[in-house]
Amino acid sequence: MPKLKILIYPDPTLRKKCSPVEEIDDDLIQLLDDMADTMYEAPGIGLAAPQVDSTKRVIVVDIQPRERAKESTEELEILLPPDRSELIELINPEIVFSDGEIVGEEGCLSIPGFVSDVKRKYEVTVEGYSRDGELIEIQCEDLLARVFQHEIDHLDGILFIDRLGRLKRELLKKKIEKVLGKEEKHAVL
């Protein structure tokens, strides 16, 4: 299946609020498949539709590659492809419960090369629909809870940098713009 193009900040689509999915059809199933392929190829552990230029309210998540990287000395990029047994696809996901707080490092496929500590809820319960239209409820904590919060934020046009304090956010934005500006100049040459 084709790998989709991941939009890079400050693309305006990343700031759009996604519309709820009204019907699960072949196009949506194809989008889910393509998003999973794209996430694994990137490599990443979560991907939201706006990151691939879609305003549908869908996400894909699989923290298995990160967990496997922790267990080995290999880099994430050189691990064998995941078996997809831990792939979670959610249509119209929403957080219905959250508790506790934890600060942890986050990055984003749409802001490559940049990470920062972000405060999130430690535990969340997420509801959404599977590709078969079945209502799913997932109770999770720590990394999986962080990834769900991050990806659902994307569906509302919120990036992890928006969760930073004002000063930290402005400093990071300046660094991002400096790097993106250099990349654009090199691309023209």
N, C-alpha and C. Protein backbone atom coordinates (compact mmCIF):
# COMPACT_ATOMS: atom_id res chain seq x y z
N MET A 1 0.83 -1.18 0.00
CA MET A 1 0.00 0.00 0.00
C MET A 1 0.88 1.24 0.00
N PRO A 2 0.40 2.31 -0.57
CA PRO A 2 1.24 3.50 -0.68
C PRO A 2 1.45 4.19 0.66
N LYS A 3 2.66 4.71 0.80
CA LYS A 3 2.95 5.52 1.98
C LYS A 3 2.43 6.93 1.70
N LEU A 4 1.71 7.47 2.66
CA LEU A 4 1.17 8.82 2.52
C LEU A 4 2.22 9.85 2.91
N LYS A 5 2.09 11.05 2.40
CA LYS A 5 2.99 12.13 2.75
C LYS A 5 2.57 12.69 4.11
N ILE A 6 3.53 12.79 5.02
CA ILE A 6 3.27 13.38 6.33
C ILE A 6 3.48 14.89 6.23
N LEU A 7 2.44 15.64 6.60
CA LEU A 7 2.54 17.09 6.56
C LEU A 7 3.47 17.58 7.67
N ILE A 8 4.21 18.63 7.36
CA ILE A 8 5.18 19.19 8.30
C ILE A 8 4.72 20.56 8.76
N TYR A 9 4.87 20.82 10.06
CA TYR A 9 4.57 22.12 10.65
C TYR A 9 5.33 23.18 9.89
N PRO A 10 4.72 24.30 9.54
CA PRO A 10 3.43 24.85 9.98
C PRO A 10 2.28 24.65 8.98
N ASP A 11 2.22 23.54 8.28
CA ASP A 11 1.13 23.32 7.32
C ASP A 11 -0.22 23.61 7.99
N PRO A 12 -1.08 24.41 7.36
CA PRO A 12 -2.35 24.81 7.98
C PRO A 12 -3.32 23.66 8.25
N THR A 13 -3.21 22.56 7.53
CA THR A 13 -4.10 21.42 7.78
C THR A 13 -3.90 20.88 9.20
N LEU A 14 -2.69 21.01 9.73
CA LEU A 14 -2.40 20.52 11.08
C LEU A 14 -3.18 21.28 12.14
N ARG A 15 -3.71 22.44 11.79
CA ARG A 15 -4.45 23.28 12.74
C ARG A 15 -5.97 23.15 12.59
N LYS A 16 -6.42 22.32 11.65
CA LYS A 16 -7.86 22.16 11.41
C LYS A 16 -8.47 21.16 12.40
N LYS A 17 -9.68 21.47 12.83
CA LYS A 17 -10.43 20.53 13.65
C LYS A 17 -11.11 19.53 12.73
N CYS A 18 -10.93 18.26 13.00
CA CYS A 18 -11.47 17.21 12.12
C CYS A 18 -12.95 16.98 12.36
N SER A 19 -13.61 16.58 11.29
CA SER A 19 -15.04 16.28 11.33
C SER A 19 -15.26 14.82 11.72
N PRO A 20 -16.30 14.55 12.51
CA PRO A 20 -16.60 13.17 12.84
C PRO A 20 -16.90 12.35 11.58
N VAL A 21 -16.53 11.10 11.62
CA VAL A 21 -16.81 10.18 10.52
C VAL A 21 -18.27 9.77 10.63
N GLU A 22 -19.00 9.92 9.54
CA GLU A 22 -20.43 9.57 9.53
C GLU A 22 -20.67 8.15 9.03
N GLU A 23 -19.76 7.67 8.15
CA GLU A 23 -19.95 6.36 7.53
C GLU A 23 -18.60 5.68 7.35
N ILE A 24 -18.55 4.42 7.69
CA ILE A 24 -17.34 3.63 7.46
C ILE A 24 -17.48 2.99 6.09
N ASP A 25 -16.68 3.47 5.14
CA ASP A 25 -16.74 2.97 3.78
C ASP A 25 -15.35 2.51 3.33
N ASP A 26 -15.27 2.08 2.08
CA ASP A 26 -14.00 1.56 1.55
C ASP A 26 -12.89 2.62 1.58
N ASP A 27 -13.24 3.87 1.33
CA ASP A 27 -12.24 4.94 1.36
C ASP A 27 -11.67 5.11 2.76
N LEU A 28 -12.50 5.01 3.77
CA LEU A 28 -12.02 5.14 5.15
C LEU A 28 -11.13 3.96 5.52
N ILE A 29 -11.52 2.76 5.13
CA ILE A 29 -10.71 1.57 5.41
C ILE A 29 -9.34 1.71 4.73
N GLN A 30 -9.33 2.21 3.50
CA GLN A 30 -8.06 2.43 2.79
C GLN A 30 -7.21 3.47 3.52
N LEU A 31 -7.84 4.53 4.01
CA LEU A 31 -7.12 5.55 4.76
C LEU A 31 -6.48 4.95 6.00
N LEU A 32 -7.22 4.13 6.74
CA LEU A 32 -6.67 3.48 7.93
C LEU A 32 -5.47 2.60 7.57
N ASP A 33 -5.61 1.81 6.51
CA ASP A 33 -4.50 0.95 6.07
C ASP A 33 -3.27 1.78 5.69
N ASP A 34 -3.50 2.84 4.91
CA ASP A 34 -2.40 3.69 4.47
C ASP A 34 -1.75 4.43 5.63
N MET A 35 -2.57 4.87 6.59
CA MET A 35 -2.02 5.55 7.77
C MET A 35 -1.13 4.61 8.58
N ALA A 36 -1.57 3.36 8.75
CA ALA A 36 -0.76 2.40 9.50
C ALA A 36 0.57 2.16 8.78
N ASP A 37 0.52 1.94 7.48
CA ASP A 37 1.76 1.75 6.71
C ASP A 37 2.68 2.95 6.86
N THR A 38 2.12 4.13 6.77
CA THR A 38 2.89 5.37 6.87
C THR A 38 3.52 5.50 8.25
N MET A 39 2.75 5.22 9.29
CA MET A 39 3.25 5.30 10.66
C MET A 39 4.43 4.35 10.87
N TYR A 40 4.27 3.11 10.41
CA TYR A 40 5.34 2.13 10.59
C TYR A 40 6.59 2.51 9.79
N GLU A 41 6.41 3.02 8.59
CA GLU A 41 7.55 3.39 7.75
C GLU A 41 8.28 4.61 8.28
N ALA A 42 7.60 5.49 9.00
CA ALA A 42 8.17 6.78 9.40
C ALA A 42 9.48 6.70 10.20
N PRO A 43 9.73 5.93 11.18
CA PRO A 43 8.84 5.13 12.02
C PRO A 43 8.24 5.98 13.13
N GLY A 44 7.01 5.63 13.50
CA GLY A 44 6.33 6.32 14.58
C GLY A 44 5.49 5.36 15.38
N ILE A 45 4.87 5.89 16.44
CA ILE A 45 4.02 5.05 17.28
C ILE A 45 2.58 5.56 17.32
N GLY A 46 2.31 6.59 16.54
CA GLY A 46 0.96 7.12 16.44
C GLY A 46 0.87 8.05 15.24
N LEU A 47 -0.32 8.13 14.65
CA LEU A 47 -0.53 9.02 13.52
C LEU A 47 -2.01 9.39 13.47
N ALA A 48 -2.26 10.67 13.25
CA ALA A 48 -3.63 11.17 13.15
C ALA A 48 -3.88 11.63 11.71
N ALA A 49 -5.13 11.55 11.28
CA ALA A 49 -5.50 11.87 9.90
C ALA A 49 -5.00 13.23 9.41
N PRO A 50 -5.07 14.30 10.22
CA PRO A 50 -4.61 15.59 9.68
C PRO A 50 -3.13 15.59 9.31
N GLN A 51 -2.37 14.70 9.90
CA GLN A 51 -0.94 14.62 9.58
C GLN A 51 -0.71 14.10 8.16
N VAL A 52 -1.73 13.46 7.58
CA VAL A 52 -1.62 12.96 6.21
C VAL A 52 -2.65 13.64 5.31
N ASP A 53 -3.00 14.88 5.69
CA ASP A 53 -3.84 15.75 4.88
C ASP A 53 -5.29 15.27 4.75
N SER A 54 -5.82 14.71 5.82
CA SER A 54 -7.22 14.31 5.85
C SER A 54 -7.87 14.95 7.07
N THR A 55 -9.10 15.38 6.93
CA THR A 55 -9.80 15.97 8.07
C THR A 55 -10.83 15.02 8.67
N LYS A 56 -10.60 13.73 8.48
CA LYS A 56 -11.46 12.72 9.10
C LYS A 56 -10.95 12.45 10.51
N ARG A 57 -11.84 12.17 11.41
CA ARG A 57 -11.51 11.98 12.82
C ARG A 57 -11.08 10.53 13.06
N VAL A 58 -9.85 10.19 12.64
CA VAL A 58 -9.32 8.84 12.81
C VAL A 58 -7.85 8.90 13.23
N ILE A 59 -7.44 7.89 14.01
CA ILE A 59 -6.05 7.76 14.44
C ILE A 59 -5.63 6.30 14.35
N VAL A 60 -4.32 6.10 14.25
CA VAL A 60 -3.73 4.77 14.37
C VAL A 60 -2.61 4.87 15.41
N VAL A 61 -2.48 3.82 16.22
CA VAL A 61 -1.51 3.81 17.31
C VAL A 61 -0.93 2.41 17.45
N ASP A 62 0.36 2.34 17.68
CA ASP A 62 1.01 1.07 18.02
C ASP A 62 2.31 1.40 18.75
N ILE A 63 2.33 1.19 20.06
CA ILE A 63 3.54 1.49 20.84
C ILE A 63 4.51 0.31 20.86
N GLN A 64 4.16 -0.77 20.22
CA GLN A 64 5.02 -1.96 20.20
C GLN A 64 6.44 -1.67 19.70
N PRO A 65 6.63 -0.88 18.63
CA PRO A 65 8.01 -0.62 18.20
C PRO A 65 8.84 0.07 19.28
N ARG A 66 8.25 0.98 20.03
CA ARG A 66 8.97 1.67 21.10
C ARG A 66 9.31 0.70 22.22
N GLU A 67 8.36 -0.15 22.57
CA GLU A 67 8.60 -1.13 23.64
C GLU A 67 9.69 -2.11 23.22
N ARG A 68 9.68 -2.54 21.97
CA ARG A 68 10.72 -3.45 21.49
C ARG A 68 12.08 -2.77 21.49
N ALA A 69 12.12 -1.47 21.18
CA ALA A 69 13.38 -0.73 21.17
C ALA A 69 13.95 -0.64 22.58
N LYS A 70 13.08 -0.47 23.58
CA LYS A 70 13.54 -0.42 24.98
C LYS A 70 14.16 -1.75 25.40
N GLU A 71 13.60 -2.85 24.89
CA GLU A 71 14.05 -4.17 25.28
C GLU A 71 15.33 -4.61 24.58
N SER A 72 15.73 -3.90 23.54
CA SER A 72 16.92 -4.28 22.81
C SER A 72 17.89 -3.12 22.74
N THR A 73 19.05 -3.38 22.22
CA THR A 73 20.05 -2.33 22.04
C THR A 73 19.96 -1.75 20.63
N GLU A 74 19.06 -2.31 19.82
CA GLU A 74 18.92 -1.83 18.45
C GLU A 74 18.18 -0.49 18.42
N GLU A 75 18.43 0.28 17.40
CA GLU A 75 17.72 1.53 17.19
C GLU A 75 16.33 1.22 16.64
N LEU A 76 15.39 2.11 16.91
CA LEU A 76 14.01 1.94 16.44
C LEU A 76 13.96 1.75 14.93
N GLU A 77 14.79 2.49 14.19
CA GLU A 77 14.74 2.44 12.74
C GLU A 77 15.16 1.09 12.14
N ILE A 78 15.97 0.31 12.87
CA ILE A 78 16.46 -0.93 12.29
C ILE A 78 15.75 -2.18 12.82
N LEU A 79 14.71 -1.98 13.61
CA LEU A 79 13.94 -3.12 14.06
C LEU A 79 13.14 -3.70 12.90
N LEU A 80 12.86 -4.98 12.99
CA LEU A 80 11.99 -5.59 12.00
C LEU A 80 10.60 -4.96 12.10
N PRO A 81 9.87 -4.93 11.00
CA PRO A 81 8.53 -4.34 11.06
C PRO A 81 7.67 -5.04 12.10
N PRO A 82 6.82 -4.28 12.80
CA PRO A 82 5.94 -4.89 13.79
C PRO A 82 4.99 -5.87 13.14
N ASP A 83 4.49 -6.78 13.94
CA ASP A 83 3.56 -7.77 13.39
C ASP A 83 2.12 -7.25 13.35
N ARG A 84 1.91 -6.02 13.77
CA ARG A 84 0.61 -5.35 13.75
C ARG A 84 -0.39 -5.94 14.73
N SER A 85 0.04 -6.86 15.57
CA SER A 85 -0.88 -7.43 16.54
C SER A 85 -1.31 -6.41 17.59
N GLU A 86 -0.53 -5.35 17.75
CA GLU A 86 -0.84 -4.31 18.73
C GLU A 86 -1.40 -3.04 18.07
N LEU A 87 -1.65 -3.08 16.77
CA LEU A 87 -2.17 -1.91 16.06
C LEU A 87 -3.58 -1.58 16.55
N ILE A 88 -3.77 -0.30 16.91
CA ILE A 88 -5.09 0.18 17.33
C ILE A 88 -5.53 1.23 16.32
N GLU A 89 -6.68 1.02 15.73
CA GLU A 89 -7.28 1.99 14.81
C GLU A 89 -8.56 2.47 15.48
N LEU A 90 -8.70 3.78 15.59
CA LEU A 90 -9.91 4.32 16.21
C LEU A 90 -10.54 5.39 15.32
N ILE A 91 -11.83 5.23 15.15
CA ILE A 91 -12.64 6.18 14.40
C ILE A 91 -13.45 6.98 15.43
N ASN A 92 -13.43 8.30 15.30
CA ASN A 92 -14.11 9.20 16.23
C ASN A 92 -13.70 8.96 17.68
N PRO A 93 -12.40 8.90 17.95
CA PRO A 93 -11.96 8.64 19.32
C PRO A 93 -12.21 9.83 20.23
N GLU A 94 -12.48 9.53 21.49
CA GLU A 94 -12.60 10.59 22.48
C GLU A 94 -12.16 10.05 23.84
N ILE A 95 -11.61 10.96 24.63
CA ILE A 95 -11.19 10.62 25.98
C ILE A 95 -12.41 10.82 26.88
N VAL A 96 -12.82 9.74 27.56
CA VAL A 96 -14.01 9.81 28.40
C VAL A 96 -13.67 9.84 29.88
N PHE A 97 -12.40 9.58 30.20
CA PHE A 97 -11.94 9.62 31.59
C PHE A 97 -10.44 9.88 31.59
N SER A 98 -9.99 10.67 32.55
CA SER A 98 -8.55 10.88 32.71
C SER A 98 -8.24 11.13 34.18
N ASP A 99 -7.01 10.76 34.58
CA ASP A 99 -6.63 10.95 35.98
C ASP A 99 -5.11 11.02 36.08
N GLY A 100 -4.65 11.71 37.10
CA GLY A 100 -3.23 11.81 37.38
C GLY A 100 -2.51 12.70 36.39
N GLU A 101 -1.25 12.97 36.68
CA GLU A 101 -0.43 13.77 35.77
C GLU A 101 0.96 13.18 35.70
N ILE A 102 1.58 13.35 34.55
CA ILE A 102 2.95 12.90 34.35
C ILE A 102 3.59 13.79 33.28
N VAL A 103 4.85 14.06 33.46
CA VAL A 103 5.60 14.82 32.47
C VAL A 103 6.52 13.86 31.74
N GLY A 104 6.51 13.92 30.43
CA GLY A 104 7.37 13.04 29.64
C GLY A 104 7.71 13.66 28.31
N GLU A 105 8.74 13.12 27.70
CA GLU A 105 9.22 13.64 26.41
C GLU A 105 8.27 13.25 25.29
N GLU A 106 7.99 14.22 24.42
CA GLU A 106 7.18 13.97 23.23
C GLU A 106 7.85 14.56 22.01
N GLY A 107 7.61 13.90 20.92
CA GLY A 107 8.01 14.39 19.62
C GLY A 107 6.82 14.20 18.70
N CYS A 108 7.00 14.52 17.43
CA CYS A 108 5.88 14.42 16.50
C CYS A 108 6.42 14.22 15.09
N LEU A 109 5.80 13.32 14.35
CA LEU A 109 6.21 13.09 12.97
C LEU A 109 6.03 14.33 12.10
N SER A 110 5.16 15.24 12.52
CA SER A 110 4.94 16.48 11.76
C SER A 110 5.88 17.61 12.20
N ILE A 111 6.67 17.37 13.24
CA ILE A 111 7.68 18.32 13.69
C ILE A 111 8.96 17.51 13.91
N PRO A 112 9.52 16.96 12.82
CA PRO A 112 10.63 16.02 12.95
C PRO A 112 11.87 16.66 13.57
N GLY A 113 12.52 15.88 14.45
CA GLY A 113 13.77 16.31 15.04
C GLY A 113 13.63 17.15 16.29
N PHE A 114 12.42 17.42 16.74
CA PHE A 114 12.20 18.26 17.91
C PHE A 114 11.41 17.50 18.96
N VAL A 115 11.86 17.58 20.20
CA VAL A 115 11.17 16.96 21.33
C VAL A 115 11.15 17.94 22.49
N SER A 116 10.20 17.73 23.38
CA SER A 116 10.13 18.53 24.59
C SER A 116 9.32 17.77 25.63
N ASP A 117 9.53 18.11 26.89
CA ASP A 117 8.73 17.52 27.96
C ASP A 117 7.35 18.15 27.96
N VAL A 118 6.32 17.31 28.04
CA VAL A 118 4.93 17.75 28.00
C VAL A 118 4.18 17.10 29.16
N LYS A 119 3.36 17.90 29.85
CA LYS A 119 2.53 17.37 30.93
C LYS A 119 1.26 16.80 30.33
N ARG A 120 0.97 15.57 30.70
CA ARG A 120 -0.24 14.88 30.24
C ARG A 120 -0.90 14.17 31.41
N LYS A 121 -2.09 13.68 31.17
CA LYS A 121 -2.75 12.81 32.15
C LYS A 121 -2.04 11.46 32.13
N TYR A 122 -1.88 10.86 33.31
CA TYR A 122 -1.18 9.58 33.41
C TYR A 122 -2.07 8.43 32.93
N GLU A 123 -3.36 8.52 33.23
CA GLU A 123 -4.30 7.44 32.91
C GLU A 123 -5.47 8.01 32.13
N VAL A 124 -5.87 7.32 31.08
CA VAL A 124 -7.04 7.74 30.31
C VAL A 124 -7.88 6.53 29.90
N THR A 125 -9.14 6.81 29.65
CA THR A 125 -10.02 5.84 29.01
C THR A 125 -10.48 6.49 27.71
N VAL A 126 -10.27 5.76 26.62
CA VAL A 126 -10.60 6.27 25.29
C VAL A 126 -11.69 5.39 24.69
N GLU A 127 -12.67 6.04 24.06
CA GLU A 127 -13.71 5.32 23.32
C GLU A 127 -13.65 5.74 21.86
N GLY A 128 -13.92 4.80 21.01
CA GLY A 128 -13.98 5.06 19.58
C GLY A 128 -14.52 3.81 18.89
N TYR A 129 -14.57 3.88 17.58
CA TYR A 129 -15.11 2.76 16.81
C TYR A 129 -14.02 2.07 16.00
N SER A 130 -14.15 0.78 15.87
CA SER A 130 -13.24 0.00 15.03
C SER A 130 -13.64 0.15 13.57
N ARG A 131 -12.84 -0.38 12.69
CA ARG A 131 -13.18 -0.37 11.25
C ARG A 131 -14.45 -1.16 10.96
N ASP A 132 -14.84 -2.04 11.90
CA ASP A 132 -16.07 -2.83 11.75
C ASP A 132 -17.28 -2.14 12.36
N GLY A 133 -17.09 -0.92 12.90
CA GLY A 133 -18.19 -0.20 13.50
C GLY A 133 -18.48 -0.58 14.94
N GLU A 134 -17.62 -1.38 15.53
CA GLU A 134 -17.79 -1.83 16.90
C GLU A 134 -17.24 -0.77 17.86
N LEU A 135 -18.01 -0.44 18.91
CA LEU A 135 -17.56 0.51 19.92
C LEU A 135 -16.46 -0.15 20.75
N ILE A 136 -15.34 0.56 20.90
CA ILE A 136 -14.19 0.06 21.63
C ILE A 136 -13.92 1.00 22.80
N GLU A 137 -13.61 0.44 23.96
CA GLU A 137 -13.18 1.24 25.10
C GLU A 137 -11.82 0.72 25.54
N ILE A 138 -10.86 1.62 25.66
CA ILE A 138 -9.50 1.25 26.03
C ILE A 138 -9.11 2.04 27.27
N GLN A 139 -8.78 1.32 28.34
CA GLN A 139 -8.25 1.94 29.55
C GLN A 139 -6.74 1.75 29.52
N CYS A 140 -5.99 2.84 29.68
CA CYS A 140 -4.54 2.71 29.59
C CYS A 140 -3.85 3.78 30.43
N GLU A 141 -2.55 3.61 30.56
CA GLU A 141 -1.76 4.55 31.34
C GLU A 141 -0.40 4.75 30.69
N ASP A 142 0.33 5.71 31.21
CA ASP A 142 1.71 5.98 30.84
C ASP A 142 1.86 6.25 29.33
N LEU A 143 2.74 5.50 28.63
CA LEU A 143 3.05 5.81 27.24
C LEU A 143 1.82 5.70 26.33
N LEU A 144 1.04 4.64 26.46
CA LEU A 144 -0.13 4.50 25.58
C LEU A 144 -1.13 5.64 25.84
N ALA A 145 -1.32 6.01 27.09
CA ALA A 145 -2.21 7.14 27.40
C ALA A 145 -1.67 8.43 26.79
N ARG A 146 -0.37 8.63 26.85
CA ARG A 146 0.27 9.82 26.26
C ARG A 146 0.04 9.86 24.75
N VAL A 147 0.23 8.72 24.09
CA VAL A 147 0.07 8.68 22.63
C VAL A 147 -1.38 8.98 22.24
N PHE A 148 -2.33 8.40 22.95
CA PHE A 148 -3.74 8.70 22.65
C PHE A 148 -4.03 10.19 22.81
N GLN A 149 -3.55 10.78 23.89
CA GLN A 149 -3.79 12.21 24.11
C GLN A 149 -3.16 13.05 23.00
N HIS A 150 -1.94 12.69 22.60
CA HIS A 150 -1.22 13.40 21.54
C HIS A 150 -1.99 13.32 20.21
N GLU A 151 -2.40 12.11 19.85
CA GLU A 151 -3.08 11.93 18.56
C GLU A 151 -4.47 12.55 18.55
N ILE A 152 -5.21 12.45 19.64
CA ILE A 152 -6.53 13.07 19.71
C ILE A 152 -6.40 14.59 19.68
N ASP A 153 -5.34 15.13 20.29
CA ASP A 153 -5.07 16.57 20.15
C ASP A 153 -4.97 16.96 18.68
N HIS A 154 -4.26 16.15 17.89
CA HIS A 154 -4.13 16.43 16.45
C HIS A 154 -5.50 16.59 15.78
N LEU A 155 -6.46 15.78 16.20
CA LEU A 155 -7.79 15.84 15.60
C LEU A 155 -8.51 17.15 15.90
N ASP A 156 -8.02 17.84 16.93
CA ASP A 156 -8.59 19.14 17.31
C ASP A 156 -7.69 20.30 16.91
N GLY A 157 -6.67 20.03 16.09
CA GLY A 157 -5.79 21.08 15.61
C GLY A 157 -4.76 21.53 16.64
N ILE A 158 -4.50 20.70 17.63
CA ILE A 158 -3.56 21.03 18.70
C ILE A 158 -2.28 20.21 18.51
N LEU A 159 -1.13 20.88 18.57
CA LEU A 159 0.17 20.22 18.48
C LEU A 159 0.81 20.16 19.85
N PHE A 160 1.77 19.26 20.04
CA PHE A 160 2.39 19.13 21.36
C PHE A 160 3.05 20.43 21.80
N ILE A 161 3.53 21.23 20.86
CA ILE A 161 4.16 22.50 21.23
C ILE A 161 3.15 23.47 21.85
N ASP A 162 1.86 23.28 21.57
CA ASP A 162 0.84 24.12 22.17
C ASP A 162 0.64 23.81 23.65
N ARG A 163 1.13 22.67 24.10
CA ARG A 163 1.00 22.24 25.49
C ARG A 163 2.15 22.73 26.36
N LEU A 164 3.11 23.41 25.76
CA LEU A 164 4.27 23.92 26.49
C LEU A 164 3.96 25.29 27.09
N GLY A 165 4.74 25.68 28.08
CA GLY A 165 4.62 27.03 28.62
C GLY A 165 4.98 28.04 27.53
N ARG A 166 4.53 29.28 27.69
CA ARG A 166 4.71 30.30 26.67
C ARG A 166 6.17 30.48 26.26
N LEU A 167 7.07 30.64 27.23
CA LEU A 167 8.47 30.88 26.91
C LEU A 167 9.09 29.68 26.20
N LYS A 168 8.87 28.51 26.72
CA LYS A 168 9.41 27.29 26.11
C LYS A 168 8.86 27.10 24.70
N ARG A 169 7.56 27.36 24.54
CA ARG A 169 6.91 27.22 23.23
C ARG A 169 7.52 28.18 22.22
N GLU A 170 7.71 29.43 22.61
CA GLU A 170 8.27 30.43 21.69
C GLU A 170 9.70 30.08 21.30
N LEU A 171 10.51 29.62 22.27
CA LEU A 171 11.89 29.23 21.96
C LEU A 171 11.92 28.05 20.99
N LEU A 172 11.06 27.06 21.23
CA LEU A 172 11.01 25.90 20.35
C LEU A 172 10.51 26.28 18.96
N LYS A 173 9.50 27.14 18.89
CA LYS A 173 9.00 27.58 17.58
C LYS A 173 10.10 28.29 16.78
N LYS A 174 10.89 29.12 17.46
CA LYS A 174 11.99 29.82 16.77
C LYS A 174 13.02 28.83 16.23
N LYS A 175 13.34 27.80 17.03
CA LYS A 175 14.27 26.76 16.57
C LYS A 175 13.70 26.04 15.36
N ILE A 176 12.42 25.69 15.43
CA ILE A 176 11.76 24.97 14.33
C ILE A 176 11.78 25.82 13.06
N GLU A 177 11.39 27.07 13.20
CA GLU A 177 11.37 27.96 12.03
C GLU A 177 12.76 28.15 11.43
N LYS A 178 13.78 28.22 12.29
CA LYS A 178 15.15 28.36 11.81
C LYS A 178 15.56 27.14 10.99
N VAL A 179 15.27 25.95 11.51
CA VAL A 179 15.63 24.71 10.80
C VAL A 179 14.80 24.58 9.52
N LEU A 180 13.48 24.83 9.61
CA LEU A 180 12.64 24.71 8.41
C LEU A 180 13.06 25.72 7.37
N GLY A 181 13.42 26.91 7.78
CA GLY A 181 13.88 27.93 6.84
C GLY A 181 15.13 27.48 6.11
N LYS A 182 16.08 26.85 6.84
CA LYS A 182 17.31 26.35 6.23
C LYS A 182 16.99 25.24 5.25
N GLU A 183 16.07 24.34 5.64
CA GLU A 183 15.73 23.22 4.75
C GLU A 183 15.10 23.74 3.46
N GLU A 184 14.22 24.75 3.57
CA GLU A 184 13.57 25.30 2.38
C GLU A 184 14.59 25.94 1.46
N LYS A 185 15.59 26.65 2.01
CA LYS A 185 16.63 27.28 1.20
C LYS A 185 17.47 26.22 0.48
N HIS A 186 17.81 25.14 1.20
CA HIS A 186 18.58 24.06 0.58
C HIS A 186 17.79 23.37 -0.52
N ALA A 187 16.49 23.25 -0.33
CA ALA A 187 15.67 22.59 -1.34
C ALA A 187 15.62 23.39 -2.63
N VAL A 188 15.72 24.71 -2.53
CA VAL A 188 15.68 25.57 -3.72
C VAL A 188 16.97 25.45 -4.52
N LEU A 189 18.09 25.26 -3.83
CA LEU A 189 19.39 25.22 -4.51
C LEU A 189 19.57 24.07 -5.45
